[in-house]
Amino acid sequence: MKNNLKKAIIILILGTLIFLTTMGVFGYYFHQSLWGRDTLQDLLALLFIAPILLPYALGLIIVGSVELYKKLKVKKLTLSLIMLAIYISPIAMLSIYRFIDHQIYDSTYAFSAEKWATANEDERSHMIHYFREQHELVEKELEYAIILLGQPDREEDLKYYYSLGLEEAVLVTHEVYYLIEFDIQNIITNESIIEVPHHPTE
Protein backbone atom coordinates (compact mmCIF):
# COMPACT_ATOMS: atom_id res chain seq x y z
CA MET A 1 0.00 0.00 0.00
CA LYS A 2 2.77 2.43 1.04
CA ASN A 3 4.86 1.44 -1.97
CA ASN A 4 1.94 2.14 -4.29
CA LEU A 5 1.38 5.51 -2.63
CA LYS A 6 5.06 6.39 -2.93
CA LYS A 7 4.99 5.35 -6.58
CA ALA A 8 1.96 7.57 -7.25
CA ILE A 9 3.69 10.56 -5.59
CA ILE A 10 6.88 9.99 -7.60
CA ILE A 11 4.89 9.80 -10.84
CA LEU A 12 3.05 13.02 -10.00
CA ILE A 13 6.25 14.85 -9.05
CA LEU A 14 8.06 13.61 -12.17
CA GLY A 15 5.19 14.70 -14.42
CA THR A 16 5.05 18.10 -12.72
CA LEU A 17 8.81 18.65 -13.12
CA ILE A 18 8.69 17.73 -16.82
CA PHE A 19 5.68 19.99 -17.30
CA LEU A 20 7.43 22.93 -15.57
CA THR A 21 10.57 22.33 -17.63
CA THR A 22 8.48 22.30 -20.79
CA MET A 23 6.83 25.61 -19.89
CA GLY A 24 10.30 27.02 -19.20
CA VAL A 25 11.51 25.96 -22.64
CA PHE A 26 8.44 27.56 -24.24
CA GLY A 27 9.17 30.78 -22.33
CA TYR A 28 12.82 30.71 -23.43
CA TYR A 29 11.90 30.19 -27.08
CA PHE A 30 9.25 32.91 -27.06
CA HIS A 31 11.78 35.28 -25.48
CA GLN A 32 14.46 34.43 -28.04
CA SER A 33 12.08 34.77 -31.00
CA LEU A 34 10.72 38.11 -29.75
CA TRP A 35 14.20 39.58 -29.43
CA GLY A 36 15.37 38.11 -32.73
CA ARG A 37 17.81 35.65 -31.18
CA ASP A 38 16.13 32.37 -31.99
CA THR A 39 18.07 29.77 -33.94
CA LEU A 40 17.23 26.65 -35.91
CA GLN A 41 18.35 24.61 -32.90
CA ASP A 42 15.86 26.44 -30.69
CA LEU A 43 13.05 25.69 -33.14
CA LEU A 44 14.00 22.01 -33.39
CA ALA A 45 14.06 21.76 -29.59
CA LEU A 46 10.59 23.29 -29.43
CA LEU A 47 9.27 20.93 -32.10
CA PHE A 48 10.64 18.01 -30.09
CA ILE A 49 9.15 19.17 -26.80
CA ALA A 50 5.67 20.12 -28.04
CA PRO A 51 4.56 16.73 -29.47
CA ILE A 52 6.60 14.44 -27.18
CA LEU A 53 7.44 15.78 -23.73
CA LEU A 54 4.29 17.82 -23.11
CA PRO A 55 1.78 14.95 -23.64
CA TYR A 56 4.11 12.67 -21.66
CA ALA A 57 4.20 15.13 -18.75
CA LEU A 58 0.43 15.57 -18.77
CA GLY A 59 -0.05 11.81 -18.88
CA LEU A 60 2.18 11.32 -15.83
CA ILE A 61 0.32 14.03 -13.92
CA ILE A 62 -3.06 12.46 -14.69
CA VAL A 63 -1.89 8.94 -13.79
CA GLY A 64 -0.24 10.14 -10.57
CA SER A 65 -3.30 12.15 -9.57
CA VAL A 66 -5.69 9.25 -10.20
CA GLU A 67 -3.50 6.90 -8.16
CA LEU A 68 -3.39 9.38 -5.29
CA TYR A 69 -7.17 9.67 -5.47
CA LYS A 70 -7.50 5.91 -5.17
CA LYS A 71 -4.94 5.46 -2.38
CA LEU A 72 -5.74 8.49 -0.22
CA LYS A 73 -9.41 8.78 -1.08
CA VAL A 74 -8.93 12.49 -1.67
CA LYS A 75 -12.11 14.38 -2.47
CA LYS A 76 -12.67 14.97 -6.16
CA LEU A 77 -12.89 18.71 -5.59
CA THR A 78 -9.53 18.74 -3.78
CA LEU A 79 -7.95 16.62 -6.51
CA SER A 80 -9.39 18.90 -9.19
CA LEU A 81 -7.96 21.97 -7.46
CA ILE A 82 -4.55 20.32 -7.24
CA MET A 83 -4.68 19.43 -10.95
CA LEU A 84 -5.74 22.96 -11.86
CA ALA A 85 -2.91 24.42 -9.79
CA ILE A 86 -0.37 22.17 -11.51
CA TYR A 87 -1.70 23.04 -14.98
CA ILE A 88 -2.75 26.65 -14.66
CA SER A 89 -0.02 28.15 -12.43
CA PRO A 90 2.89 27.57 -14.90
CA ILE A 91 0.74 28.68 -17.85
CA ALA A 92 -0.30 31.82 -15.97
CA MET A 93 3.33 32.51 -15.05
CA LEU A 94 4.34 32.04 -18.70
CA SER A 95 1.64 34.48 -19.82
CA ILE A 96 2.73 37.07 -17.25
CA TYR A 97 6.37 36.62 -18.26
CA ARG A 98 5.50 37.14 -21.93
CA PHE A 99 3.53 40.28 -21.12
CA ILE A 100 6.44 41.75 -19.13
CA ASP A 101 8.91 40.69 -21.83
CA HIS A 102 6.83 42.49 -24.48
CA GLN A 103 6.70 45.64 -22.33
CA ILE A 104 10.48 45.64 -21.95
CA TYR A 105 10.91 45.01 -25.68
CA ASP A 106 8.57 47.86 -26.58
CA SER A 107 10.41 50.22 -24.24
CA THR A 108 13.82 49.15 -25.55
CA TYR A 109 13.05 49.54 -29.24
CA ALA A 110 10.53 52.39 -29.25
CA PHE A 111 11.67 54.71 -32.04
CA SER A 112 13.26 58.10 -31.56
CA ALA A 113 15.62 59.96 -33.85
CA GLU A 114 18.21 60.12 -31.07
CA LYS A 115 18.14 56.36 -30.41
CA TRP A 116 18.21 55.61 -34.16
CA ALA A 117 21.30 57.78 -34.64
CA THR A 118 23.35 55.72 -32.16
CA ALA A 119 21.80 52.29 -32.85
CA ASN A 120 23.62 49.47 -34.62
CA GLU A 121 22.06 47.56 -37.52
CA ASP A 122 20.55 44.87 -35.31
CA GLU A 123 18.88 47.46 -33.07
CA ARG A 124 17.60 49.34 -36.11
CA SER A 125 16.02 46.15 -37.46
CA HIS A 126 13.78 46.12 -34.38
CA MET A 127 13.19 49.87 -34.20
CA ILE A 128 12.11 50.21 -37.84
CA HIS A 129 8.76 48.52 -37.17
CA TYR A 130 7.91 51.10 -34.51
CA PHE A 131 9.06 53.86 -36.84
CA ARG A 132 6.71 52.67 -39.59
CA GLU A 133 3.81 52.56 -37.14
CA GLN A 134 4.50 56.09 -35.91
CA HIS A 135 5.43 57.88 -39.14
CA GLU A 136 3.65 57.87 -42.49
CA LEU A 137 6.27 58.89 -45.05
CA VAL A 138 4.40 58.55 -48.32
CA GLU A 139 3.56 61.95 -49.85
CA LYS A 140 5.87 63.74 -47.44
CA GLU A 141 9.04 65.56 -48.45
CA LEU A 142 12.27 63.57 -48.37
CA GLU A 143 13.74 65.99 -45.85
CA TYR A 144 11.19 64.75 -43.30
CA ALA A 145 12.68 61.24 -43.47
CA ILE A 146 16.24 62.53 -43.33
CA ILE A 147 15.48 64.49 -40.15
CA LEU A 148 14.25 61.27 -38.52
CA LEU A 149 16.61 58.68 -40.00
CA GLY A 150 19.67 60.65 -41.03
CA GLN A 151 21.58 60.11 -44.24
CA PRO A 152 21.09 56.72 -45.96
CA ASP A 153 23.66 53.94 -46.02
CA ARG A 154 23.23 53.58 -49.78
CA GLU A 155 21.84 55.79 -52.51
CA GLU A 156 20.57 55.04 -56.01
CA ASP A 157 18.52 57.08 -58.43
CA LEU A 158 15.50 58.25 -56.43
CA LYS A 159 16.09 55.59 -53.77
CA TYR A 160 17.54 55.67 -50.24
CA TYR A 161 18.60 52.50 -48.44
CA TYR A 162 19.01 52.17 -44.66
CA SER A 163 20.80 48.98 -43.63
CA LEU A 164 19.05 46.72 -41.11
CA GLY A 165 21.74 44.05 -40.98
CA LEU A 166 21.62 40.42 -42.05
CA GLU A 167 18.85 37.87 -41.80
CA GLU A 168 19.71 34.19 -41.89
CA ALA A 169 17.40 31.57 -43.34
CA VAL A 170 18.03 27.92 -44.16
CA LEU A 171 21.18 27.88 -46.35
CA VAL A 172 20.63 31.53 -47.31
CA THR A 173 21.63 34.88 -45.84
CA HIS A 174 19.96 38.14 -46.88
CA GLU A 175 20.89 41.75 -46.40
CA VAL A 176 17.87 43.65 -45.11
CA TYR A 177 17.21 47.30 -45.98
CA TYR A 178 14.60 49.92 -45.30
CA LEU A 179 13.94 51.41 -48.72
CA ILE A 180 12.56 54.89 -49.34
CA GLU A 181 11.59 55.80 -52.92
CA PHE A 182 10.90 59.36 -54.06
CA ASP A 183 10.26 61.36 -57.21
CA ILE A 184 12.24 64.16 -58.84
CA GLN A 185 10.49 66.70 -56.60
CA ASN A 186 11.82 64.81 -53.55
CA ILE A 187 8.34 63.66 -52.54
CA ILE A 188 8.31 60.18 -51.03
CA THR A 189 6.28 57.76 -53.16
CA ASN A 190 6.89 54.47 -51.37
CA GLU A 191 8.65 52.87 -48.43
CA SER A 192 9.27 49.20 -47.70
CA ILE A 193 11.56 46.64 -46.12
CA ILE A 194 13.42 44.58 -48.70
CA GLU A 195 15.84 41.67 -48.69
CA VAL A 196 18.68 41.10 -51.14
CA PRO A 197 21.01 38.08 -51.33
CA HIS A 198 24.13 38.55 -49.26
CA HIS A 199 27.42 37.94 -51.07
CA PRO A 200 30.33 38.11 -48.62
CA THR A 201 33.43 39.71 -50.04
CA GLU A 202 36.27 37.31 -50.43
C-alpha atoms as a PDB file:
ATOM      1  CA  MET A   1       0.000   0.000   0.000  1.00  0.00           C
ATOM      2  CA  LYS A   2       2.765   2.426   1.043  1.00  0.00           C
ATOM      3  CA  ASN A   3       4.859   1.443  -1.973  1.00  0.00           C
ATOM      4  CA  ASN A   4       1.936   2.144  -4.291  1.00  0.00           C
ATOM      5  CA  LEU A   5       1.377   5.514  -2.627  1.00  0.00           C
ATOM      6  CA  LYS A   6       5.056   6.393  -2.933  1.00  0.00           C
ATOM      7  CA  LYS A   7       4.987   5.351  -6.580  1.00  0.00           C
ATOM      8  CA  ALA A   8       1.964   7.574  -7.248  1.00  0.00           C
ATOM      9  CA  ILE A   9       3.689  10.559  -5.585  1.00  0.00           C
ATOM     10  CA  ILE A  10       6.882   9.990  -7.595  1.00  0.00           C
ATOM     11  CA  ILE A  11       4.893   9.804 -10.839  1.00  0.00           C
ATOM     12  CA  LEU A  12       3.047  13.016 -10.002  1.00  0.00           C
ATOM     13  CA  ILE A  13       6.250  14.851  -9.054  1.00  0.00           C
ATOM     14  CA  LEU A  14       8.059  13.606 -12.172  1.00  0.00           C
ATOM     15  CA  GLY A  15       5.190  14.702 -14.422  1.00  0.00           C
ATOM     16  CA  THR A  16       5.048  18.104 -12.724  1.00  0.00           C
ATOM     17  CA  LEU A  17       8.806  18.648 -13.123  1.00  0.00           C
ATOM     18  CA  ILE A  18       8.695  17.731 -16.818  1.00  0.00           C
ATOM     19  CA  PHE A  19       5.678  19.995 -17.302  1.00  0.00           C
ATOM     20  CA  LEU A  20       7.431  22.926 -15.569  1.00  0.00           C
ATOM     21  CA  THR A  21      10.566  22.330 -17.628  1.00  0.00           C
ATOM     22  CA  THR A  22       8.475  22.301 -20.794  1.00  0.00           C
ATOM     23  CA  MET A  23       6.833  25.611 -19.887  1.00  0.00           C
ATOM     24  CA  GLY A  24      10.303  27.020 -19.195  1.00  0.00           C
ATOM     25  CA  VAL A  25      11.510  25.962 -22.644  1.00  0.00           C
ATOM     26  CA  PHE A  26       8.438  27.561 -24.237  1.00  0.00           C
ATOM     27  CA  GLY A  27       9.172  30.776 -22.325  1.00  0.00           C
ATOM     28  CA  TYR A  28      12.820  30.708 -23.427  1.00  0.00           C
ATOM     29  CA  TYR A  29      11.900  30.186 -27.083  1.00  0.00           C
ATOM     30  CA  PHE A  30       9.247  32.914 -27.056  1.00  0.00           C
ATOM     31  CA  HIS A  31      11.780  35.278 -25.475  1.00  0.00           C
ATOM     32  CA  GLN A  32      14.459  34.433 -28.041  1.00  0.00           C
ATOM     33  CA  SER A  33      12.080  34.772 -30.998  1.00  0.00           C
ATOM     34  CA  LEU A  34      10.720  38.109 -29.747  1.00  0.00           C
ATOM     35  CA  TRP A  35      14.196  39.578 -29.433  1.00  0.00           C
ATOM     36  CA  GLY A  36      15.369  38.107 -32.734  1.00  0.00           C
ATOM     37  CA  ARG A  37      17.815  35.652 -31.178  1.00  0.00           C
ATOM     38  CA  ASP A  38      16.128  32.366 -31.994  1.00  0.00           C
ATOM     39  CA  THR A  39      18.071  29.771 -33.937  1.00  0.00           C
ATOM     40  CA  LEU A  40      17.229  26.654 -35.913  1.00  0.00           C
ATOM     41  CA  GLN A  41      18.352  24.609 -32.897  1.00  0.00           C
ATOM     42  CA  ASP A  42      15.857  26.444 -30.695  1.00  0.00           C
ATOM     43  CA  LEU A  43      13.050  25.689 -33.138  1.00  0.00           C
ATOM     44  CA  LEU A  44      14.003  22.005 -33.393  1.00  0.00           C
ATOM     45  CA  ALA A  45      14.063  21.757 -29.593  1.00  0.00           C
ATOM     46  CA  LEU A  46      10.594  23.288 -29.427  1.00  0.00           C
ATOM     47  CA  LEU A  47       9.268  20.925 -32.104  1.00  0.00           C
ATOM     48  CA  PHE A  48      10.642  18.008 -30.094  1.00  0.00           C
ATOM     49  CA  ILE A  49       9.151  19.175 -26.802  1.00  0.00           C
ATOM     50  CA  ALA A  50       5.675  20.116 -28.038  1.00  0.00           C
ATOM     51  CA  PRO A  51       4.563  16.731 -29.467  1.00  0.00           C
ATOM     52  CA  ILE A  52       6.603  14.442 -27.183  1.00  0.00           C
ATOM     53  CA  LEU A  53       7.443  15.780 -23.726  1.00  0.00           C
ATOM     54  CA  LEU A  54       4.294  17.817 -23.114  1.00  0.00           C
ATOM     55  CA  PRO A  55       1.785  14.948 -23.638  1.00  0.00           C
ATOM     56  CA  TYR A  56       4.114  12.668 -21.656  1.00  0.00           C
ATOM     57  CA  ALA A  57       4.204  15.129 -18.750  1.00  0.00           C
ATOM     58  CA  LEU A  58       0.426  15.574 -18.768  1.00  0.00           C
ATOM     59  CA  GLY A  59      -0.049  11.808 -18.883  1.00  0.00           C
ATOM     60  CA  LEU A  60       2.181  11.317 -15.833  1.00  0.00           C
ATOM     61  CA  ILE A  61       0.323  14.030 -13.918  1.00  0.00           C
ATOM     62  CA  ILE A  62      -3.055  12.461 -14.693  1.00  0.00           C
ATOM     63  CA  VAL A  63      -1.887   8.939 -13.787  1.00  0.00           C
ATOM     64  CA  GLY A  64      -0.241  10.140 -10.573  1.00  0.00           C
ATOM     65  CA  SER A  65      -3.305  12.153  -9.568  1.00  0.00           C
ATOM     66  CA  VAL A  66      -5.685   9.254 -10.202  1.00  0.00           C
ATOM     67  CA  GLU A  67      -3.495   6.904  -8.157  1.00  0.00           C
ATOM     68  CA  LEU A  68      -3.392   9.382  -5.287  1.00  0.00           C
ATOM     69  CA  TYR A  69      -7.165   9.668  -5.467  1.00  0.00           C
ATOM     70  CA  LYS A  70      -7.497   5.913  -5.170  1.00  0.00           C
ATOM     71  CA  LYS A  71      -4.943   5.457  -2.378  1.00  0.00           C
ATOM     72  CA  LEU A  72      -5.736   8.495  -0.222  1.00  0.00           C
ATOM     73  CA  LYS A  73      -9.409   8.778  -1.078  1.00  0.00           C
ATOM     74  CA  VAL A  74      -8.932  12.489  -1.671  1.00  0.00           C
ATOM     75  CA  LYS A  75     -12.110  14.377  -2.466  1.00  0.00           C
ATOM     76  CA  LYS A  76     -12.674  14.965  -6.156  1.00  0.00           C
ATOM     77  CA  LEU A  77     -12.887  18.713  -5.595  1.00  0.00           C
ATOM     78  CA  THR A  78      -9.534  18.735  -3.783  1.00  0.00           C
ATOM     79  CA  LEU A  79      -7.947  16.623  -6.509  1.00  0.00           C
ATOM     80  CA  SER A  80      -9.388  18.897  -9.193  1.00  0.00           C
ATOM     81  CA  LEU A  81      -7.963  21.970  -7.465  1.00  0.00           C
ATOM     82  CA  ILE A  82      -4.546  20.316  -7.238  1.00  0.00           C
ATOM     83  CA  MET A  83      -4.681  19.427 -10.945  1.00  0.00           C
ATOM     84  CA  LEU A  84      -5.738  22.964 -11.862  1.00  0.00           C
ATOM     85  CA  ALA A  85      -2.905  24.417  -9.788  1.00  0.00           C
ATOM     86  CA  ILE A  86      -0.371  22.169 -11.511  1.00  0.00           C
ATOM     87  CA  TYR A  87      -1.697  23.041 -14.978  1.00  0.00           C
ATOM     88  CA  ILE A  88      -2.749  26.649 -14.657  1.00  0.00           C
ATOM     89  CA  SER A  89      -0.023  28.145 -12.430  1.00  0.00           C
ATOM     90  CA  PRO A  90       2.886  27.569 -14.897  1.00  0.00           C
ATOM     91  CA  ILE A  91       0.741  28.679 -17.851  1.00  0.00           C
ATOM     92  CA  ALA A  92      -0.304  31.820 -15.969  1.00  0.00           C
ATOM     93  CA  MET A  93       3.334  32.511 -15.053  1.00  0.00           C
ATOM     94  CA  LEU A  94       4.340  32.039 -18.702  1.00  0.00           C
ATOM     95  CA  SER A  95       1.640  34.480 -19.816  1.00  0.00           C
ATOM     96  CA  ILE A  96       2.732  37.075 -17.246  1.00  0.00           C
ATOM     97  CA  TYR A  97       6.370  36.623 -18.258  1.00  0.00           C
ATOM     98  CA  ARG A  98       5.503  37.136 -21.929  1.00  0.00           C
ATOM     99  CA  PHE A  99       3.531  40.276 -21.118  1.00  0.00           C
ATOM    100  CA  ILE A 100       6.443  41.751 -19.130  1.00  0.00           C
ATOM    101  CA  ASP A 101       8.912  40.692 -21.827  1.00  0.00           C
ATOM    102  CA  HIS A 102       6.835  42.494 -24.476  1.00  0.00           C
ATOM    103  CA  GLN A 103       6.702  45.641 -22.333  1.00  0.00           C
ATOM    104  CA  ILE A 104      10.482  45.641 -21.952  1.00  0.00           C
ATOM    105  CA  TYR A 105      10.911  45.005 -25.681  1.00  0.00           C
ATOM    106  CA  ASP A 106       8.567  47.862 -26.580  1.00  0.00           C
ATOM    107  CA  SER A 107      10.409  50.217 -24.236  1.00  0.00           C
ATOM    108  CA  THR A 108      13.821  49.154 -25.546  1.00  0.00           C
ATOM    109  CA  TYR A 109      13.051  49.537 -29.238  1.00  0.00           C
ATOM    110  CA  ALA A 110      10.534  52.394 -29.254  1.00  0.00           C
ATOM    111  CA  PHE A 111      11.667  54.709 -32.038  1.00  0.00           C
ATOM    112  CA  SER A 112      13.262  58.098 -31.557  1.00  0.00           C
ATOM    113  CA  ALA A 113      15.624  59.964 -33.853  1.00  0.00           C
ATOM    114  CA  GLU A 114      18.212  60.117 -31.066  1.00  0.00           C
ATOM    115  CA  LYS A 115      18.136  56.363 -30.414  1.00  0.00           C
ATOM    116  CA  TRP A 116      18.213  55.612 -34.159  1.00  0.00           C
ATOM    117  CA  ALA A 117      21.304  57.777 -34.643  1.00  0.00           C
ATOM    118  CA  THR A 118      23.354  55.722 -32.161  1.00  0.00           C
ATOM    119  CA  ALA A 119      21.796  52.294 -32.852  1.00  0.00           C
ATOM    120  CA  ASN A 120      23.618  49.467 -34.618  1.00  0.00           C
ATOM    121  CA  GLU A 121      22.063  47.563 -37.523  1.00  0.00           C
ATOM    122  CA  ASP A 122      20.552  44.871 -35.312  1.00  0.00           C
ATOM    123  CA  GLU A 123      18.883  47.463 -33.067  1.00  0.00           C
ATOM    124  CA  ARG A 124      17.597  49.343 -36.111  1.00  0.00           C
ATOM    125  CA  SER A 125      16.022  46.153 -37.462  1.00  0.00           C
ATOM    126  CA  HIS A 126      13.779  46.124 -34.377  1.00  0.00           C
ATOM    127  CA  MET A 127      13.185  49.868 -34.204  1.00  0.00           C
ATOM    128  CA  ILE A 128      12.106  50.205 -37.835  1.00  0.00           C
ATOM    129  CA  HIS A 129       8.763  48.519 -37.173  1.00  0.00           C
ATOM    130  CA  TYR A 130       7.906  51.095 -34.509  1.00  0.00           C
ATOM    131  CA  PHE A 131       9.059  53.860 -36.838  1.00  0.00           C
ATOM    132  CA  ARG A 132       6.714  52.666 -39.585  1.00  0.00           C
ATOM    133  CA  GLU A 133       3.814  52.563 -37.140  1.00  0.00           C
ATOM    134  CA  GLN A 134       4.501  56.092 -35.906  1.00  0.00           C
ATOM    135  CA  HIS A 135       5.433  57.877 -39.137  1.00  0.00           C
ATOM    136  CA  GLU A 136       3.651  57.871 -42.493  1.00  0.00           C
ATOM    137  CA  LEU A 137       6.273  58.892 -45.050  1.00  0.00           C
ATOM    138  CA  VAL A 138       4.396  58.547 -48.321  1.00  0.00           C
ATOM    139  CA  GLU A 139       3.557  61.950 -49.853  1.00  0.00           C
ATOM    140  CA  LYS A 140       5.872  63.739 -47.439  1.00  0.00           C
ATOM    141  CA  GLU A 141       9.042  65.560 -48.454  1.00  0.00           C
ATOM    142  CA  LEU A 142      12.267  63.572 -48.369  1.00  0.00           C
ATOM    143  CA  GLU A 143      13.739  65.989 -45.846  1.00  0.00           C
ATOM    144  CA  TYR A 144      11.188  64.746 -43.301  1.00  0.00           C
ATOM    145  CA  ALA A 145      12.677  61.239 -43.469  1.00  0.00           C
ATOM    146  CA  ILE A 146      16.240  62.533 -43.326  1.00  0.00           C
ATOM    147  CA  ILE A 147      15.478  64.486 -40.149  1.00  0.00           C
ATOM    148  CA  LEU A 148      14.251  61.274 -38.515  1.00  0.00           C
ATOM    149  CA  LEU A 149      16.613  58.681 -40.003  1.00  0.00           C
ATOM    150  CA  GLY A 150      19.668  60.655 -41.030  1.00  0.00           C
ATOM    151  CA  GLN A 151      21.582  60.107 -44.241  1.00  0.00           C
ATOM    152  CA  PRO A 152      21.087  56.718 -45.957  1.00  0.00           C
ATOM    153  CA  ASP A 153      23.661  53.940 -46.015  1.00  0.00           C
ATOM    154  CA  ARG A 154      23.229  53.579 -49.784  1.00  0.00           C
ATOM    155  CA  GLU A 155      21.843  55.786 -52.515  1.00  0.00           C
ATOM    156  CA  GLU A 156      20.573  55.036 -56.012  1.00  0.00           C
ATOM    157  CA  ASP A 157      18.516  57.078 -58.425  1.00  0.00           C
ATOM    158  CA  LEU A 158      15.503  58.248 -56.428  1.00  0.00           C
ATOM    159  CA  LYS A 159      16.090  55.588 -53.770  1.00  0.00           C
ATOM    160  CA  TYR A 160      17.539  55.674 -50.241  1.00  0.00           C
ATOM    161  CA  TYR A 161      18.604  52.503 -48.441  1.00  0.00           C
ATOM    162  CA  TYR A 162      19.007  52.169 -44.659  1.00  0.00           C
ATOM    163  CA  SER A 163      20.804  48.983 -43.630  1.00  0.00           C
ATOM    164  CA  LEU A 164      19.052  46.721 -41.115  1.00  0.00           C
ATOM    165  CA  GLY A 165      21.735  44.053 -40.977  1.00  0.00           C
ATOM    166  CA  LEU A 166      21.624  40.416 -42.047  1.00  0.00           C
ATOM    167  CA  GLU A 167      18.846  37.875 -41.795  1.00  0.00           C
ATOM    168  CA  GLU A 168      19.705  34.192 -41.892  1.00  0.00           C
ATOM    169  CA  ALA A 169      17.404  31.570 -43.344  1.00  0.00           C
ATOM    170  CA  VAL A 170      18.028  27.921 -44.165  1.00  0.00           C
ATOM    171  CA  LEU A 171      21.182  27.877 -46.347  1.00  0.00           C
ATOM    172  CA  VAL A 172      20.630  31.529 -47.313  1.00  0.00           C
ATOM    173  CA  THR A 173      21.626  34.876 -45.837  1.00  0.00           C
ATOM    174  CA  HIS A 174      19.964  38.136 -46.877  1.00  0.00           C
ATOM    175  CA  GLU A 175      20.886  41.748 -46.405  1.00  0.00           C
ATOM    176  CA  VAL A 176      17.866  43.650 -45.106  1.00  0.00           C
ATOM    177  CA  TYR A 177      17.206  47.301 -45.980  1.00  0.00           C
ATOM    178  CA  TYR A 178      14.597  49.919 -45.295  1.00  0.00           C
ATOM    179  CA  LEU A 179      13.943  51.409 -48.722  1.00  0.00           C
ATOM    180  CA  ILE A 180      12.557  54.892 -49.345  1.00  0.00           C
ATOM    181  CA  GLU A 181      11.586  55.800 -52.916  1.00  0.00           C
ATOM    182  CA  PHE A 182      10.897  59.364 -54.057  1.00  0.00           C
ATOM    183  CA  ASP A 183      10.258  61.359 -57.207  1.00  0.00           C
ATOM    184  CA  ILE A 184      12.244  64.163 -58.836  1.00  0.00           C
ATOM    185  CA  GLN A 185      10.488  66.704 -56.600  1.00  0.00           C
ATOM    186  CA  ASN A 186      11.821  64.813 -53.552  1.00  0.00           C
ATOM    187  CA  ILE A 187       8.341  63.658 -52.545  1.00  0.00           C
ATOM    188  CA  ILE A 188       8.305  60.177 -51.029  1.00  0.00           C
ATOM    189  CA  THR A 189       6.282  57.765 -53.163  1.00  0.00           C
ATOM    190  CA  ASN A 190       6.887  54.469 -51.372  1.00  0.00           C
ATOM    191  CA  GLU A 191       8.648  52.870 -48.426  1.00  0.00           C
ATOM    192  CA  SER A 192       9.269  49.195 -47.699  1.00  0.00           C
ATOM    193  CA  ILE A 193      11.555  46.639 -46.124  1.00  0.00           C
ATOM    194  CA  ILE A 194      13.423  44.577 -48.699  1.00  0.00           C
ATOM    195  CA  GLU A 195      15.836  41.670 -48.694  1.00  0.00           C
ATOM    196  CA  VAL A 196      18.675  41.101 -51.140  1.00  0.00           C
ATOM    197  CA  PRO A 197      21.006  38.082 -51.335  1.00  0.00           C
ATOM    198  CA  HIS A 198      24.130  38.546 -49.260  1.00  0.00           C
ATOM    199  CA  HIS A 199      27.421  37.936 -51.075  1.00  0.00           C
ATOM    200  CA  PRO A 200      30.334  38.111 -48.619  1.00  0.00           C
ATOM    201  CA  THR A 201      33.426  39.707 -50.038  1.00  0.00           C
ATOM    202  CA  GLU A 202      36.265  37.308 -50.430  1.00  0.00           C
END
